[in-house]
Protein backbone atom coordinates (compact mmCIF):
# COMPACT_ATOMS: atom_id res chain seq x y z
CA MET A 1 3.87 11.33 -9.34
CA SER A 2 7.48 11.93 -8.65
CA ASN A 3 10.10 9.66 -10.33
CA LYS A 4 11.53 9.02 -6.80
CA GLN A 5 8.18 8.00 -5.34
CA LYS A 6 7.89 4.35 -4.31
CA ILE A 7 4.59 2.67 -3.48
CA ILE A 8 4.02 -0.58 -1.60
CA LEU A 9 0.59 -2.26 -1.32
CA TRP A 10 0.18 -4.77 1.43
CA SER A 11 -2.66 -7.02 0.37
CA LYS A 12 -4.10 -10.57 0.53
CA ASN A 13 -6.02 -12.80 -1.76
CA GLY A 14 -9.74 -12.28 -1.80
CA CYS A 15 -9.61 -8.75 -0.43
CA SER A 16 -11.93 -6.61 -2.56
CA TYR A 17 -10.45 -3.34 -1.21
CA CYS A 18 -7.00 -4.58 -2.20
CA GLN A 19 -8.26 -5.38 -5.72
CA ASP A 20 -9.86 -1.98 -5.99
CA ILE A 21 -6.57 -0.33 -5.22
CA GLN A 22 -4.67 -2.56 -7.60
CA SER A 23 -7.12 -1.74 -10.42
CA TYR A 24 -6.74 2.01 -9.63
CA PHE A 25 -2.95 1.73 -9.84
CA ASN A 26 -3.09 -0.20 -13.03
CA GLU A 27 -5.67 2.12 -14.66
CA GLN A 28 -3.54 5.09 -13.72
CA HIS A 29 -0.25 3.40 -14.79
CA ILE A 30 1.18 3.82 -11.30
CA THR A 31 4.11 1.56 -10.56
CA TYR A 32 3.89 -0.19 -7.20
CA SER A 33 5.10 -3.25 -5.34
CA THR A 34 2.94 -5.76 -3.53
CA ILE A 35 3.54 -7.62 -0.34
CA ASP A 36 1.03 -10.48 -0.12
CA VAL A 37 0.21 -11.34 3.55
CA THR A 38 -1.92 -14.37 2.55
CA GLU A 39 -0.43 -17.35 4.42
CA HIS A 40 2.39 -15.17 5.76
CA ASP A 41 1.59 -14.17 9.28
CA HIS A 42 5.13 -12.82 9.75
CA TYR A 43 4.21 -10.03 7.29
CA ARG A 44 1.22 -9.17 9.51
CA ASN A 45 3.66 -9.07 12.41
CA ILE A 46 5.63 -6.41 10.52
CA LEU A 47 2.54 -4.36 9.98
CA GLU A 48 1.64 -4.60 13.69
CA GLU A 49 5.13 -3.48 14.70
CA LYS A 50 5.21 -0.68 12.21
CA TYR A 51 1.58 0.64 12.43
CA GLY A 52 -0.28 -1.26 15.12
CA VAL A 53 -2.52 -3.09 12.66
CA ARG A 54 -2.70 -6.54 11.22
CA TYR A 55 -5.16 -5.85 8.42
CA VAL A 56 -4.87 -4.93 4.82
CA PRO A 57 -4.92 -3.04 2.61
CA VAL A 58 -2.11 -0.79 3.74
CA VAL A 59 -0.51 1.48 1.23
CA GLU A 60 3.00 2.86 1.90
CA ILE A 61 4.24 5.84 -0.10
CA SER A 62 7.81 7.12 -0.09
CA ARG A 63 8.64 10.44 -1.74
CA ASP A 64 12.34 10.70 -1.03
CA THR A 65 15.59 8.88 -1.77
CA HIS A 66 15.75 7.67 1.86
CA HIS A 67 12.58 5.64 1.45
CA VAL A 68 10.82 7.01 4.53
CA TYR A 69 7.23 5.74 4.04
CA GLN A 70 3.92 7.40 4.94
CA ALA A 71 1.27 4.75 5.45
CA LEU A 72 -2.37 4.90 4.49
CA LEU A 73 -4.04 2.50 6.88
CA ASN A 74 -7.66 2.64 5.63
CA PRO A 75 -7.16 3.70 2.03
CA ASP A 76 -10.01 4.34 -0.30
CA ILE A 77 -9.52 5.63 -3.84
CA ASP A 78 -10.25 9.30 -2.99
CA THR A 79 -7.67 9.22 -0.07
CA LEU A 80 -5.21 7.47 -2.19
CA ARG A 81 -5.57 9.98 -5.11
CA LYS A 82 -5.10 12.90 -2.66
CA ALA A 83 -1.98 11.23 -1.10
CA LEU A 84 -0.44 10.69 -4.52
CA SER A 85 -0.92 14.21 -5.80
């Protein structure tokens, strides 16, 4: 993972897929930020504006200093692993 790489996980409480991704990041010692959409519909509105979805998990990955993000809208661990390599 590049030193300039930034990762944001959009998640909510009780989401098992979100927990799986958090566990993977923690096991791999990958630094990431979390945006919790639980009880914050305005965050879901942002997801809808950006990507046309209101569900989580969504993982955003930026590989440059301008912080242009690539979004994984239905991430599983294999897809996530490939996107991070």
